[in-house]
Amino acid sequence: MKRLFFIALVLIGVAMQAQESESKIKWMTMNEALAAQKETPKNIIMDAYTDWCGPCKMLDKNTFGHPKVAEFINENYYPVKFNAEGEEEINYKNEVFANPQYNPDLKGRRNSPHEFARALQISAYPSIVFFDEKGDLIAPLKGYRTPAQIEIFLKIFAKDEYKNLTTEKAWNEYNENFEPTFTK
């Protein structure tokens, strides 16, 4: 009887761990995402964060940790984690971006902005940056968003619906009729 109970507990644990790993975003670097686009074109979503940013940690836990958000992102995007004050070298559009002023002694605190963050004009953290299937910039989205708040952006950029929203009236109408499903 004890043995059966133990086996049941182990199986429940394995099932929960499998479900938990399925609901996590499969983050990659920008270089990996750009290489993947060459094989299979897909839009990119980039989480531009810093180590010291509290709202960045909240976005990661509350929003990107939400199972429906994670599932949607994994299915529709190449998800990129980018430390906007880190030392990663990025090859983008035949140009190499780095952070020559990066100071390893300041890890976990404010550091020098990365050249790629500057090129994208990222001025707030967190920023969620969307790229199309060719790697061209679509739009940045500044600040923390809940799952329900980010859902509309995830969906209009994943399905290229933003191309039809060319006026403020069209956006307002789309926004008013949008029903979020990424609620808790």
Protein backbone atom coordinates (compact mmCIF):
# COMPACT_ATOMS: atom_id res chain seq x y z
CA MET A 1 0.00 0.00 0.00
CA LYS A 2 2.81 2.41 0.92
CA ARG A 3 4.58 1.52 -2.29
CA LEU A 4 1.46 2.27 -4.36
CA PHE A 5 1.03 5.61 -2.57
CA PHE A 6 4.69 6.49 -3.24
CA ILE A 7 4.37 5.63 -6.94
CA ALA A 8 1.22 7.77 -7.19
CA LEU A 9 3.03 10.72 -5.60
CA VAL A 10 5.97 10.35 -7.99
CA LEU A 11 3.64 10.24 -11.01
CA ILE A 12 1.74 13.31 -9.83
CA GLY A 13 5.04 15.16 -9.34
CA VAL A 14 6.27 14.21 -12.81
CA ALA A 15 2.96 15.29 -14.38
CA MET A 16 3.05 18.63 -12.56
CA GLN A 17 6.66 19.22 -13.56
CA ALA A 18 5.86 18.42 -17.21
CA GLN A 19 2.89 20.80 -17.16
CA GLU A 20 5.00 23.50 -15.52
CA SER A 21 7.78 23.17 -18.11
CA GLU A 22 5.21 23.35 -20.93
CA SER A 23 3.95 26.67 -19.56
CA LYS A 24 7.38 28.31 -19.56
CA ILE A 25 8.60 30.50 -22.36
CA LYS A 26 11.47 28.99 -24.31
CA TRP A 27 13.71 32.08 -24.32
CA MET A 28 16.59 32.46 -26.75
CA THR A 29 19.12 35.12 -27.66
CA MET A 30 18.53 37.62 -30.45
CA ASN A 31 21.22 35.93 -32.54
CA GLU A 32 19.48 32.56 -32.12
CA ALA A 33 16.10 34.05 -33.05
CA LEU A 34 17.46 35.73 -36.17
CA ALA A 35 19.09 32.45 -37.23
CA ALA A 36 15.83 30.57 -36.59
CA GLN A 37 13.95 33.08 -38.76
CA LYS A 38 16.11 32.10 -41.72
CA GLU A 39 14.92 28.49 -41.37
CA THR A 40 11.30 29.17 -40.41
CA PRO A 41 10.04 32.77 -40.63
CA LYS A 42 8.21 33.86 -37.48
CA ASN A 43 7.90 37.14 -35.61
CA ILE A 44 10.18 37.90 -32.66
CA ILE A 45 9.16 39.23 -29.27
CA MET A 46 11.99 40.65 -27.18
CA ASP A 47 11.88 41.24 -23.45
CA ALA A 48 14.37 44.09 -22.94
CA TYR A 49 15.10 44.10 -19.22
CA THR A 50 17.82 45.00 -16.73
CA ASP A 51 19.01 43.07 -13.69
CA TRP A 52 18.09 45.87 -11.26
CA CYS A 53 14.57 46.56 -12.59
CA GLY A 54 11.72 45.57 -10.23
CA PRO A 55 8.94 45.87 -12.85
CA CYS A 56 11.05 43.66 -15.16
CA LYS A 57 11.01 40.91 -12.55
CA MET A 58 7.25 41.36 -12.10
CA LEU A 59 6.72 41.11 -15.87
CA ASP A 60 8.77 37.94 -15.97
CA LYS A 61 6.93 36.32 -13.05
CA ASN A 62 3.34 37.55 -13.44
CA THR A 63 2.98 37.99 -17.18
CA PHE A 64 5.53 35.80 -18.94
CA GLY A 65 4.97 33.18 -16.23
CA HIS A 66 1.24 33.01 -17.03
CA PRO A 67 0.53 29.67 -18.77
CA LYS A 68 -1.67 31.12 -21.54
CA VAL A 69 0.81 33.92 -22.28
CA ALA A 70 3.72 31.47 -22.37
CA GLU A 71 1.85 29.06 -24.63
CA PHE A 72 0.81 31.82 -27.05
CA ILE A 73 4.33 33.28 -27.22
CA ASN A 74 5.96 29.88 -27.76
CA GLU A 75 3.53 29.07 -30.58
CA ASN A 76 3.61 32.42 -32.38
CA TYR A 77 7.00 34.03 -31.73
CA TYR A 78 10.66 33.47 -31.28
CA PRO A 79 10.95 34.80 -27.71
CA VAL A 80 14.13 36.73 -26.90
CA LYS A 81 15.48 37.73 -23.49
CA PHE A 82 17.77 40.72 -23.83
CA ASN A 83 19.62 42.39 -20.97
CA ALA A 84 19.61 45.97 -22.20
CA GLU A 85 22.64 46.70 -20.01
CA GLY A 86 24.40 43.37 -20.59
CA GLU A 87 27.48 42.38 -22.51
CA GLU A 88 25.98 40.13 -25.21
CA GLU A 89 27.16 40.79 -28.77
CA ILE A 90 24.30 40.99 -31.29
CA ASN A 91 24.59 40.70 -35.07
CA TYR A 92 21.60 42.57 -36.50
CA LYS A 93 21.11 43.78 -40.07
CA ASN A 94 24.80 43.39 -40.95
CA GLU A 95 25.92 45.38 -37.93
CA VAL A 96 27.45 44.21 -34.66
CA PHE A 97 26.08 45.71 -31.45
CA ALA A 98 27.89 45.37 -28.13
CA ASN A 99 28.30 47.20 -24.86
CA PRO A 100 31.89 48.45 -24.77
CA GLN A 101 31.28 50.45 -21.56
CA TYR A 102 29.87 47.40 -19.73
CA ASN A 103 31.37 47.16 -16.24
CA PRO A 104 31.29 43.61 -14.77
CA ASP A 105 31.73 45.09 -11.28
CA LEU A 106 28.26 46.66 -11.64
CA LYS A 107 26.48 43.40 -12.43
CA GLY A 108 23.04 43.51 -10.80
CA ARG A 109 23.13 47.32 -10.59
CA ARG A 110 22.76 50.07 -13.17
CA ASN A 111 25.26 49.65 -15.96
CA SER A 112 25.96 51.15 -19.34
CA PRO A 113 23.12 50.82 -21.92
CA HIS A 114 23.77 48.29 -24.68
CA GLU A 115 24.28 49.69 -28.21
CA PHE A 116 21.35 47.58 -29.45
CA ALA A 117 19.05 49.11 -26.80
CA ARG A 118 20.16 52.55 -27.96
CA ALA A 119 19.60 51.66 -31.62
CA LEU A 120 16.06 50.51 -30.77
CA GLN A 121 15.57 53.71 -28.73
CA ILE A 122 14.67 51.77 -25.61
CA SER A 123 14.32 54.37 -22.89
CA ALA A 124 12.33 52.47 -20.24
CA TYR A 125 12.49 49.08 -18.59
CA PRO A 126 10.92 46.73 -19.14
CA SER A 127 10.28 47.22 -22.84
CA ILE A 128 8.73 44.56 -25.01
CA VAL A 129 9.91 44.89 -28.59
CA PHE A 130 8.21 43.25 -31.56
CA PHE A 131 9.97 42.34 -34.82
CA ASP A 132 8.38 40.92 -37.97
CA GLU A 133 9.33 37.64 -39.67
CA LYS A 134 12.17 39.40 -41.52
CA GLY A 135 13.64 40.78 -38.32
CA ASP A 136 12.45 44.33 -39.00
CA LEU A 137 11.29 46.38 -36.03
CA ILE A 138 7.50 46.61 -35.67
CA ALA A 139 7.10 48.46 -32.37
CA PRO A 140 8.33 48.74 -28.79
CA LEU A 141 5.93 48.56 -25.86
CA LYS A 142 7.20 50.32 -22.75
CA GLY A 143 6.47 49.29 -19.20
CA TYR A 144 4.93 46.51 -17.18
CA ARG A 145 1.80 44.82 -18.57
CA THR A 146 -0.49 42.23 -17.00
CA PRO A 147 -1.46 39.15 -19.04
CA ALA A 148 -4.78 40.79 -19.99
CA GLN A 149 -3.03 44.05 -20.97
CA ILE A 150 -0.37 42.41 -23.14
CA GLU A 151 -2.73 40.01 -24.89
CA ILE A 152 -4.04 42.49 -27.44
CA PHE A 153 -0.50 43.38 -28.52
CA LEU A 154 0.62 39.76 -28.68
CA LYS A 155 -2.29 38.94 -30.96
CA ILE A 156 -2.22 41.94 -33.31
CA PHE A 157 1.53 41.58 -33.90
CA ALA A 158 1.53 37.76 -34.18
CA LYS A 159 -1.18 37.77 -36.83
CA ASP A 160 -0.03 40.99 -38.55
CA GLU A 161 -3.42 42.55 -37.76
CA TYR A 162 -1.63 45.79 -36.89
CA LYS A 163 -1.20 46.40 -40.62
CA ASN A 164 -4.97 46.95 -40.90
CA LEU A 165 -5.09 49.38 -37.96
CA THR A 166 -3.93 52.46 -39.84
CA THR A 167 -6.07 55.07 -38.09
CA GLU A 168 -6.82 55.96 -34.51
CA LYS A 169 -10.48 55.18 -35.20
CA ALA A 170 -9.59 51.66 -36.42
CA TRP A 171 -7.42 51.06 -33.33
CA ASN A 172 -10.11 52.33 -30.95
CA GLU A 173 -12.73 50.11 -32.58
CA TYR A 174 -10.44 47.07 -32.46
CA ASN A 175 -9.54 47.79 -28.84
CA GLU A 176 -13.19 48.25 -27.78
CA ASN A 177 -14.21 44.94 -29.38
CA PHE A 178 -11.22 42.96 -28.12
CA GLU A 179 -12.04 40.45 -25.38
CA PRO A 180 -8.98 39.28 -23.42
CA THR A 181 -8.75 35.61 -22.52
CA PHE A 182 -5.44 35.68 -20.62
CA THR A 183 -7.07 36.43 -17.29
CA LYS A 184 -6.19 34.52 -14.14
